[in-house]
PDB file of N, CA and C in Angstrom:
ATOM      1  N   MET A   1     106.037 117.081 100.922  1.00  0.00           N
ATOM      2  CA  MET A   1     106.659 115.563 101.515  1.00  0.00           C
ATOM      3  C   MET A   1     107.971 116.587 102.108  1.00  0.00           C
ATOM      4  N   GLN A   2     109.136 116.254 103.271  1.00  0.00           N
ATOM      5  CA  GLN A   2     109.656 116.728 103.989  1.00  0.00           C
ATOM      6  C   GLN A   2     110.812 115.313 103.287  1.00  0.00           C
ATOM      7  N   THR A   3     112.375 115.721 102.999  1.00  0.00           N
ATOM      8  CA  THR A   3     113.199 115.442 102.845  1.00  0.00           C
ATOM      9  C   THR A   3     113.956 115.112 104.126  1.00  0.00           C
ATOM     10  N   LEU A   4     114.918 113.594 103.765  1.00  0.00           N
ATOM     11  CA  LEU A   4     116.050 113.418 105.083  1.00  0.00           C
ATOM     12  C   LEU A   4     116.940 114.255 104.880  1.00  0.00           C
ATOM     13  N   ASP A   5     117.773 114.753 105.998  1.00  0.00           N
ATOM     14  CA  ASP A   5     119.271 115.101 105.787  1.00  0.00           C
ATOM     15  C   ASP A   5     120.445 114.008 106.204  1.00  0.00           C
ATOM     16  N   GLN A   6     120.904 113.635 104.803  1.00  0.00           N
ATOM     17  CA  GLN A   6     122.146 112.190 105.523  1.00  0.00           C
ATOM     18  C   GLN A   6     123.385 112.540 106.159  1.00  0.00           C
ATOM     19  N   SER A   7     123.220 113.771 106.799  1.00  0.00           N
ATOM     20  CA  SER A   7     124.340 114.226 108.084  1.00  0.00           C
ATOM     21  C   SER A   7     123.270 113.830 109.142  1.00  0.00           C
ATOM     22  N   LYS A   8     122.508 113.434 109.872  1.00  0.00           N
ATOM     23  CA  LYS A   8     121.637 113.268 110.865  1.00  0.00           C
ATOM     24  C   LYS A   8     121.157 111.496 110.854  1.00  0.00           C
ATOM     25  N   SER A   9     120.744 111.357 112.165  1.00  0.00           N
ATOM     26  CA  SER A   9     120.366 110.331 112.018  1.00  0.00           C
ATOM     27  C   SER A   9     119.085 109.682 112.476  1.00  0.00           C
ATOM     28  N   TYR A  10     118.305 109.324 111.451  1.00  0.00           N
ATOM     29  CA  TYR A  10     116.834 109.277 111.938  1.00  0.00           C
ATOM     30  C   TYR A  10     116.546 108.061 112.421  1.00  0.00           C
ATOM     31  N   TYR A  11     115.064 107.454 112.990  1.00  0.00           N
ATOM     32  CA  TYR A  11     114.872 106.119 113.340  1.00  0.00           C
ATOM     33  C   TYR A  11     113.360 106.291 112.594  1.00  0.00           C
ATOM     34  N   ARG A  12     112.515 104.898 112.466  1.00  0.00           N
ATOM     35  CA  ARG A  12     111.320 104.649 112.081  1.00  0.00           C
ATOM     36  C   ARG A  12     110.292 104.874 113.612  1.00  0.00           C
ATOM     37  N   ARG A  13     109.477 105.749 113.418  1.00  0.00           N
ATOM     38  CA  ARG A  13     108.288 105.553 114.445  1.00  0.00           C
ATOM     39  C   ARG A  13     107.069 104.192 114.278  1.00  0.00           C
ATOM     40  N   ILE A  14     106.796 104.107 115.235  1.00  0.00           N
ATOM     41  CA  ILE A  14     105.688 102.845 115.012  1.00  0.00           C
ATOM     42  C   ILE A  14     104.408 103.874 115.035  1.00  0.00           C
ATOM     43  N   THR A  15     103.799 103.730 114.012  1.00  0.00           N
ATOM     44  CA  THR A  15     102.443 104.891 113.887  1.00  0.00           C
ATOM     45  C   THR A  15     101.447 103.555 113.948  1.00  0.00           C
ATOM     46  N   THR A  16     100.019 104.031 114.275  1.00  0.00           N
ATOM     47  CA  THR A  16      99.217 103.498 114.594  1.00  0.00           C
ATOM     48  C   THR A  16      98.256 102.215 113.551  1.00  0.00           C
ATOM     49  N   LEU A  17      98.319 102.504 111.752  1.00  0.00           N
ATOM     50  CA  LEU A  17      98.450 101.442 111.326  1.00  0.00           C
ATOM     51  C   LEU A  17      99.494 100.526 111.460  1.00  0.00           C
ATOM     52  N   ASP A  18     100.430 100.563 112.192  1.00  0.00           N
ATOM     53  CA  ASP A  18     101.200  99.218 112.334  1.00  0.00           C
ATOM     54  C   ASP A  18     101.026  98.529 113.436  1.00  0.00           C
ATOM     55  N   ILE A  19     100.626  99.112 114.528  1.00  0.00           N
ATOM     56  CA  ILE A  19      99.850  98.822 115.847  1.00  0.00           C
ATOM     57  C   ILE A  19      98.597  97.822 114.994  1.00  0.00           C
ATOM     58  N   VAL A  20      97.753  98.288 114.399  1.00  0.00           N
ATOM     59  CA  VAL A  20      96.451  97.642 113.783  1.00  0.00           C
ATOM     60  C   VAL A  20      96.937  96.922 113.110  1.00  0.00           C
ATOM     61  N   THR A  21      97.695  97.119 112.061  1.00  0.00           N
ATOM     62  CA  THR A  21      98.125  95.287 111.596  1.00  0.00           C
ATOM     63  C   THR A  21      98.630  94.375 112.419  1.00  0.00           C
ATOM     64  N   ILE A  22      99.322  94.696 112.564  1.00  0.00           N
ATOM     65  CA  ILE A  22     100.096  93.435 114.209  1.00  0.00           C
ATOM     66  C   ILE A  22      99.128  93.155 115.001  1.00  0.00           C
ATOM     67  N   LEU A  23      97.716  93.667 115.496  1.00  0.00           N
ATOM     68  CA  LEU A  23      97.038  93.093 116.142  1.00  0.00           C
ATOM     69  C   LEU A  23      96.153  92.350 115.294  1.00  0.00           C
ATOM     70  N   MET A  24      95.530  92.780 114.078  1.00  0.00           N
ATOM     71  CA  MET A  24      95.364  91.870 112.856  1.00  0.00           C
ATOM     72  C   MET A  24      95.821  90.529 112.387  1.00  0.00           C
ATOM     73  N   ILE A  25      97.126  90.788 112.273  1.00  0.00           N
ATOM     74  CA  ILE A  25      97.619  89.378 112.121  1.00  0.00           C
ATOM     75  C   ILE A  25      97.421  88.498 113.465  1.00  0.00           C
ATOM     76  N   ILE A  26      97.874  88.706 114.655  1.00  0.00           N
ATOM     77  CA  ILE A  26      97.327  88.207 115.683  1.00  0.00           C
ATOM     78  C   ILE A  26      96.017  87.652 115.949  1.00  0.00           C
ATOM     79  N   GLY A  27      95.256  88.639 115.879  1.00  0.00           N
ATOM     80  CA  GLY A  27      93.627  88.007 116.017  1.00  0.00           C
ATOM     81  C   GLY A  27      93.081  87.222 114.832  1.00  0.00           C
ATOM     82  N   LEU A  28      93.976  87.052 113.622  1.00  0.00           N
ATOM     83  CA  LEU A  28      93.336  86.555 112.375  1.00  0.00           C
ATOM     84  C   LEU A  28      94.007  84.535 112.414  1.00  0.00           C
ATOM     85  N   LEU A  29      94.999  84.593 113.772  1.00  0.00           N
ATOM     86  CA  LEU A  29      95.660  83.175 113.867  1.00  0.00           C
ATOM     87  C   LEU A  29      94.312  82.344 114.935  1.00  0.00           C
ATOM     88  N   PHE A  30      93.296  83.028 115.196  1.00  0.00           N
ATOM     89  CA  PHE A  30      92.159  82.218 116.021  1.00  0.00           C
ATOM     90  C   PHE A  30      91.171  81.835 115.090  1.00  0.00           C
ATOM     91  N   PHE A  31      91.723  81.938 113.631  1.00  0.00           N
ATOM     92  CA  PHE A  31      90.428  81.895 112.944  1.00  0.00           C
ATOM     93  C   PHE A  31      90.979  80.619 111.829  1.00  0.00           C
ATOM     94  N   THR A  32      90.209  79.550 111.313  1.00  0.00           N
ATOM     95  CA  THR A  32      90.447  78.437 110.794  1.00  0.00           C
ATOM     96  C   THR A  32      91.385  78.770 109.136  1.00  0.00           C
ATOM     97  N   ASN A  33      90.933  79.920 108.745  1.00  0.00           N
ATOM     98  CA  ASN A  33      91.813  80.407 107.600  1.00  0.00           C
ATOM     99  C   ASN A  33      92.736  81.338 107.936  1.00  0.00           C
ATOM    100  N   GLY A  34      92.664  81.799 109.214  1.00  0.00           N
ATOM    101  CA  GLY A  34      93.794  83.033 109.761  1.00  0.00           C
ATOM    102  C   GLY A  34      95.224  82.548 109.229  1.00  0.00           C
ATOM    103  N   PHE A  35      95.679  81.504 109.408  1.00  0.00           N
ATOM    104  CA  PHE A  35      97.345  81.618 108.961  1.00  0.00           C
ATOM    105  C   PHE A  35      97.419  82.108 107.902  1.00  0.00           C
ATOM    106  N   LEU A  36      96.808  81.252 106.694  1.00  0.00           N
ATOM    107  CA  LEU A  36      97.217  81.880 105.297  1.00  0.00           C
ATOM    108  C   LEU A  36      96.849  83.499 105.587  1.00  0.00           C
ATOM    109  N   LEU A  37      95.970  83.966 106.147  1.00  0.00           N
ATOM    110  CA  LEU A  37      95.657  85.725 105.546  1.00  0.00           C
ATOM    111  C   LEU A  37      96.315  86.508 106.525  1.00  0.00           C
ATOM    112  N   SER A  38      97.077  85.511 107.634  1.00  0.00           N
ATOM    113  CA  SER A  38      97.944  86.347 108.608  1.00  0.00           C
ATOM    114  C   SER A  38      99.169  86.492 107.762  1.00  0.00           C
ATOM    115  N   LEU A  39      99.494  85.214 107.281  1.00  0.00           N
ATOM    116  CA  LEU A  39     100.989  85.050 105.900  1.00  0.00           C
ATOM    117  C   LEU A  39     100.962  85.951 105.147  1.00  0.00           C
ATOM    118  N   LEU A  40      99.359  86.023 104.254  1.00  0.00           N
ATOM    119  CA  LEU A  40      99.280  87.301 103.237  1.00  0.00           C
ATOM    120  C   LEU A  40      99.813  88.658 103.803  1.00  0.00           C
ATOM    121  N   LEU A  41      98.830  89.015 105.184  1.00  0.00           N
ATOM    122  CA  LEU A  41      99.306  90.429 105.539  1.00  0.00           C
ATOM    123  C   LEU A  41     100.475  90.804 105.705  1.00  0.00           C
ATOM    124  N   ILE A  42     101.208  89.760 106.521  1.00  0.00           N
ATOM    125  CA  ILE A  42     102.880  89.833 106.751  1.00  0.00           C
ATOM    126  C   ILE A  42     103.614  90.467 105.119  1.00  0.00           C
ATOM    127  N   VAL A  43     103.041  89.779 104.244  1.00  0.00           N
ATOM    128  CA  VAL A  43     103.796  89.860 103.062  1.00  0.00           C
ATOM    129  C   VAL A  43     103.294  91.294 102.026  1.00  0.00           C
ATOM    130  N   VAL A  44     102.016  91.613 102.271  1.00  0.00           N
ATOM    131  CA  VAL A  44     101.497  92.644 101.561  1.00  0.00           C
ATOM    132  C   VAL A  44     101.943  94.027 102.585  1.00  0.00           C
ATOM    133  N   TYR A  45     101.817  93.571 103.873  1.00  0.00           N
ATOM    134  CA  TYR A  45     102.112  94.975 104.431  1.00  0.00           C
ATOM    135  C   TYR A  45     102.736  96.053 104.041  1.00  0.00           C
ATOM    136  N   PRO A  46     104.165  95.472 103.993  1.00  0.00           N
ATOM    137  CA  PRO A  46     105.129  96.549 103.825  1.00  0.00           C
ATOM    138  C   PRO A  46     105.407  97.086 102.422  1.00  0.00           C
ATOM    139  N   PHE A  47     104.481  96.430 101.013  1.00  0.00           N
ATOM    140  CA  PHE A  47     104.195  97.411 100.148  1.00  0.00           C
ATOM    141  C   PHE A  47     103.117  97.976  99.925  1.00  0.00           C
ATOM    142  N   SER A  48     102.697  98.087 101.105  1.00  0.00           N
ATOM    143  CA  SER A  48     100.768  98.313 100.781  1.00  0.00           C
ATOM    144  C   SER A  48     101.384 100.701 101.266  1.00  0.00           C
ATOM    145  N   HIS A  49     102.243 101.222 102.069  1.00  0.00           N
ATOM    146  CA  HIS A  49     101.761 102.049 101.773  1.00  0.00           C
ATOM    147  C   HIS A  49     103.385 103.055 101.315  1.00  0.00           C
ATOM    148  N   SER A  50     102.772 104.184 100.681  1.00  0.00           N
ATOM    149  CA  SER A  50     103.864 104.822 100.120  1.00  0.00           C
ATOM    150  C   SER A  50     104.634 106.368 100.891  1.00  0.00           C
ATOM    151  N   LYS A  51     104.501 106.369 102.669  1.00  0.00           N
ATOM    152  CA  LYS A  51     104.961 106.870 103.614  1.00  0.00           C
ATOM    153  C   LYS A  51     105.074 106.445 104.552  1.00  0.00           C
ATOM    154  N   VAL A  52     106.476 106.980 105.163  1.00  0.00           N
ATOM    155  CA  VAL A  52     107.079 106.713 106.817  1.00  0.00           C
ATOM    156  C   VAL A  52     106.636 107.513 107.438  1.00  0.00           C
ATOM    157  N   LEU A  53     107.001 107.465 109.268  1.00  0.00           N
ATOM    158  CA  LEU A  53     106.599 108.219 109.767  1.00  0.00           C
ATOM    159  C   LEU A  53     108.243 107.900 110.457  1.00  0.00           C
ATOM    160  N   VAL A  54     108.865 109.458 110.682  1.00  0.00           N
ATOM    161  CA  VAL A  54     110.796 109.157 110.858  1.00  0.00           C
ATOM    162  C   VAL A  54     110.698 110.534 111.902  1.00  0.00           C
ATOM    163  N   SER A  55     111.798 110.090 113.016  1.00  0.00           N
ATOM    164  CA  SER A  55     112.094 111.651 113.511  1.00  0.00           C
ATOM    165  C   SER A  55     113.264 111.239 113.913  1.00  0.00           C
ATOM    166  N   ASP A  56     114.263 112.766 114.183  1.00  0.00           N
ATOM    167  CA  ASP A  56     115.527 112.586 114.158  1.00  0.00           C
ATOM    168  C   ASP A  56     115.930 112.384 115.750  1.00  0.00           C
ATOM    169  N   ILE A  57     117.503 111.223 115.787  1.00  0.00           N
ATOM    170  CA  ILE A  57     117.522 110.969 116.938  1.00  0.00           C
ATOM    171  C   ILE A  57     117.776 111.855 117.663  1.00  0.00           C
ATOM    172  N   GLY A  58     118.222 112.988 117.767  1.00  0.00           N
ATOM    173  CA  GLY A  58     118.362 114.380 118.913  1.00  0.00           C
ATOM    174  C   GLY A  58     117.025 115.153 119.066  1.00  0.00           C
ATOM    175  N   ASP A  59     116.167 114.965 118.189  1.00  0.00           N
ATOM    176  CA  ASP A  59     114.918 115.165 118.313  1.00  0.00           C
ATOM    177  C   ASP A  59     114.011 114.734 118.647  1.00  0.00           C
ATOM    178  N   LYS A  60     113.362 113.732 119.315  1.00  0.00           N
ATOM    179  CA  LYS A  60     112.349 112.937 119.406  1.00  0.00           C
ATOM    180  C   LYS A  60     111.008 113.331 119.125  1.00  0.00           C
ATOM    181  N   ASN A  61     110.793 114.397 119.816  1.00  0.00           N
ATOM    182  CA  ASN A  61     109.498 115.124 119.426  1.00  0.00           C
ATOM    183  C   ASN A  61     109.274 115.868 118.368  1.00  0.00           C
ATOM    184  N   THR A  62     110.023 115.997 117.149  1.00  0.00           N
ATOM    185  CA  THR A  62     109.819 116.260 115.372  1.00  0.00           C
ATOM    186  C   THR A  62     109.454 115.265 114.906  1.00  0.00           C
ATOM    187  N   LYS A  63     108.718 115.033 113.773  1.00  0.00           N
ATOM    188  CA  LYS A  63     107.976 113.929 113.238  1.00  0.00           C
ATOM    189  C   LYS A  63     107.952 114.316 112.004  1.00  0.00           C
ATOM    190  N   LEU A  64     108.498 113.794 111.110  1.00  0.00           N
ATOM    191  CA  LEU A  64     108.183 113.953 109.629  1.00  0.00           C
ATOM    192  C   LEU A  64     107.624 112.692 108.921  1.00  0.00           C
ATOM    193  N   TRP A  65     107.117 113.259 107.887  1.00  0.00           N
ATOM    194  CA  TRP A  65     106.523 112.459 107.099  1.00  0.00           C
ATOM    195  C   TRP A  65     107.372 112.394 105.571  1.00  0.00           C
ATOM    196  N   VAL A  66     108.038 111.134 105.471  1.00  0.00           N
ATOM    197  CA  VAL A  66     109.267 110.829 104.430  1.00  0.00           C
ATOM    198  C   VAL A  66     108.491 109.757 102.928  1.00  0.00           C
ATOM    199  N   ARG A  67     108.941 109.861 102.234  1.00  0.00           N
ATOM    200  CA  ARG A  67     108.569 108.622 101.491  1.00  0.00           C
ATOM    201  C   ARG A  67     109.180 107.573 102.056  1.00  0.00           C
ATOM    202  N   LYS A  68     108.391 106.398 101.191  1.00  0.00           N
ATOM    203  CA  LYS A  68     109.182 105.265 101.888  1.00  0.00           C
ATOM    204  C   LYS A  68     110.261 104.706 100.910  1.00  0.00           C
ATOM    205  N   MET A  69     110.343 105.128  99.670  1.00  0.00           N
ATOM    206  CA  MET A  69     111.834 104.806  98.741  1.00  0.00           C
ATOM    207  C   MET A  69     112.937 105.676  99.425  1.00  0.00           C
ATOM    208  N   ASP A  70     112.430 106.792  99.638  1.00  0.00           N
ATOM    209  CA  ASP A  70     113.359 107.884 100.239  1.00  0.00           C
ATOM    210  C   ASP A  70     114.002 107.309 101.424  1.00  0.00           C
ATOM    211  N   TRP A  71     113.101 106.237 102.363  1.00  0.00           N
ATOM    212  CA  TRP A  71     113.882 105.968 103.530  1.00  0.00           C
ATOM    213  C   TRP A  71     114.328 104.726 103.526  1.00  0.00           C
ATOM    214  N   ASP A  72     113.765 103.448 102.181  1.00  0.00           N
ATOM    215  CA  ASP A  72     114.824 102.630 101.863  1.00  0.00           C
ATOM    216  C   ASP A  72     116.195 103.207 101.663  1.00  0.00           C
ATOM    217  N   ILE A  73     116.359 103.753 100.656  1.00  0.00           N
ATOM    218  CA  ILE A  73     117.489 104.485 100.337  1.00  0.00           C
ATOM    219  C   ILE A  73     118.283 105.148 101.247  1.00  0.00           C
ATOM    220  N   TYR A  74     117.730 105.736 102.518  1.00  0.00           N
ATOM    221  CA  TYR A  74     118.550 106.086 103.631  1.00  0.00           C
ATOM    222  C   TYR A  74     118.826 104.771 104.535  1.00  0.00           C
ATOM    223  N   ARG A  75     118.191 103.902 104.488  1.00  0.00           N
ATOM    224  CA  ARG A  75     118.103 102.595 105.320  1.00  0.00           C
ATOM    225  C   ARG A  75     119.199 101.799 104.584  1.00  0.00           C
ATOM    226  N   LYS A  76     119.455 102.053 103.735  1.00  0.00           N
ATOM    227  CA  LYS A  76     120.326 100.728 102.794  1.00  0.00           C
ATOM    228  C   LYS A  76     121.793 102.161 103.131  1.00  0.00           C
ATOM    229  N   GLU A  77     122.336 103.088 102.872  1.00  0.00           N
ATOM    230  CA  GLU A  77     122.845 104.159 102.862  1.00  0.00           C
ATOM    231  C   GLU A  77     123.747 103.877 104.725  1.00  0.00           C
ATOM    232  N   HIS A  78     122.624 103.810 105.675  1.00  0.00           N
ATOM    233  CA  HIS A  78     123.110 103.267 107.239  1.00  0.00           C
ATOM    234  C   HIS A  78     123.099 102.370 107.682  1.00  0.00           C
ATOM    235  N   ARG A  79     123.055 101.358 106.680  1.00  0.00           N
ATOM    236  CA  ARG A  79     123.053  99.749 106.842  1.00  0.00           C
ATOM    237  C   ARG A  79     121.789  99.538 107.936  1.00  0.00           C
ATOM    238  N   LEU A  80     121.231  99.959 108.279  1.00  0.00           N
ATOM    239  CA  LEU A  80     119.546  99.695 109.419  1.00  0.00           C
ATOM    240  C   LEU A  80     119.100  98.529 108.368  1.00  0.00           C
ATOM    241  N   GLY A  81     118.651  97.426 109.293  1.00  0.00           N
ATOM    242  CA  GLY A  81     117.796  96.013 109.010  1.00  0.00           C
ATOM    243  C   GLY A  81     116.206  96.642 109.286  1.00  0.00           C
ATOM    244  N   PRO A  82     115.697  95.715 108.812  1.00  0.00           N
ATOM    245  CA  PRO A  82     114.228  95.941 109.151  1.00  0.00           C
ATOM    246  C   PRO A  82     113.271  96.251 110.697  1.00  0.00           C
ATOM    247  N   ILE A  83     114.378  95.484 111.471  1.00  0.00           N
ATOM    248  CA  ILE A  83     114.268  95.510 112.991  1.00  0.00           C
ATOM    249  C   ILE A  83     115.111  96.659 113.480  1.00  0.00           C
ATOM    250  N   MET A  84     116.244  97.509 113.231  1.00  0.00           N
ATOM    251  CA  MET A  84     116.936  98.038 113.846  1.00  0.00           C
ATOM    252  C   MET A  84     116.401  99.331 113.135  1.00  0.00           C
ATOM    253  N   GLN A  85     115.748 100.123 112.353  1.00  0.00           N
ATOM    254  CA  GLN A  85     115.176 100.917 111.835  1.00  0.00           C
ATOM    255  C   GLN A  85     114.079 101.318 112.541  1.00  0.00           C
ATOM    256  N   TYR A  86     113.692 100.668 113.532  1.00  0.00           N
ATOM    257  CA  TYR A  86     112.786 101.087 114.875  1.00  0.00           C
ATOM    258  C   TYR A  86     113.265 101.819 115.807  1.00  0.00           C
ATOM    259  N   LYS A  87     114.630 100.924 116.150  1.00  0.00           N
ATOM    260  CA  LYS A  87     114.971 101.644 117.441  1.00  0.00           C
ATOM    261  C   LYS A  87     116.376 103.072 117.193  1.00  0.00           C
ATOM    262  N   SER A  88     115.542 104.007 117.771  1.00  0.00           N
ATOM    263  CA  SER A  88     116.548 105.250 118.275  1.00  0.00           C
ATOM    264  C   SER A  88     118.369 104.404 118.123  1.00  0.00           C
ATOM    265  N   ARG A  89     118.838 104.733 117.798  1.00  0.00           N
ATOM    266  CA  ARG A  89     120.110 104.319 117.565  1.00  0.00           C
ATOM    267  C   ARG A  89     121.045 104.968 118.962  1.00  0.00           C
ATOM    268  N   SER A  90     120.710 105.887 119.537  1.00  0.00           N
ATOM    269  CA  SER A  90     121.112 106.421 120.658  1.00  0.00           C
ATOM    270  C   SER A  90     120.980 105.187 122.059  1.00  0.00           C
ATOM    271  N   THR A  91     120.153 104.636 121.746  1.00  0.00           N
ATOM    272  CA  THR A  91     120.377 103.340 122.987  1.00  0.00           C
ATOM    273  C   THR A  91     120.515 102.626 122.674  1.00  0.00           C
ATOM    274  N   VAL A  92     120.868 102.477 121.260  1.00  0.00           N
ATOM    275  CA  VAL A  92     121.671 101.087 121.168  1.00  0.00           C
ATOM    276  C   VAL A  92     123.389 101.181 121.445  1.00  0.00           C
ATOM    277  N   ASP A  93     123.807 102.760 120.923  1.00  0.00           N
ATOM    278  CA  ASP A  93     125.261 102.722 120.976  1.00  0.00           C
ATOM    279  C   ASP A  93     125.248 103.374 122.639  1.00  0.00           C
ATOM    280  N   MET A  94     124.411 103.479 123.432  1.00  0.00           N
ATOM    281  CA  MET A  94     124.608 103.050 124.733  1.00  0.00           C
ATOM    282  C   MET A  94     125.342 101.584 125.118  1.00  0.00           C
ATOM    283  N   LYS A  95     124.048 100.550 124.784  1.00  0.00           N
ATOM    284  CA  LYS A  95     124.096  99.731 124.990  1.00  0.00           C
ATOM    285  C   LYS A  95     125.836  98.827 124.198  1.00  0.00           C
ATOM    286  N   GLN A  96     125.810  99.556 123.634  1.00  0.00           N
ATOM    287  CA  GLN A  96     127.342  98.653 123.034  1.00  0.00           C
ATOM    288  C   GLN A  96     128.408  99.628 123.469  1.00  0.00           C
ATOM    289  N   ALA A  97     128.447 100.546 124.416  1.00  0.00           N
ATOM    290  CA  ALA A  97     129.523 101.432 124.998  1.00  0.00           C
ATOM    291  C   ALA A  97     129.837 100.711 126.468  1.00  0.00           C
TER     292      ALA A  97
END
């Protein structure tokens, strides 16, 4: 398992599991009890995995698997919200300038 350098900027990458889960949530809405199952999946999914895929903003080709608890600590220290963790901050910084 790799560790994060606190002096670098990272963002979380969307994985295949993330895409499949989103498609399942949307697909379940078409069934009779699908709304409840979709809601359950939305609640359970963030706690279901122990590793996340991240990349350095400066080197987007490098992918690192880190423990989710390490990523959560990094997010708190760098004030990254649930949605902002997926955005490359270099593009966010350009929009603010």
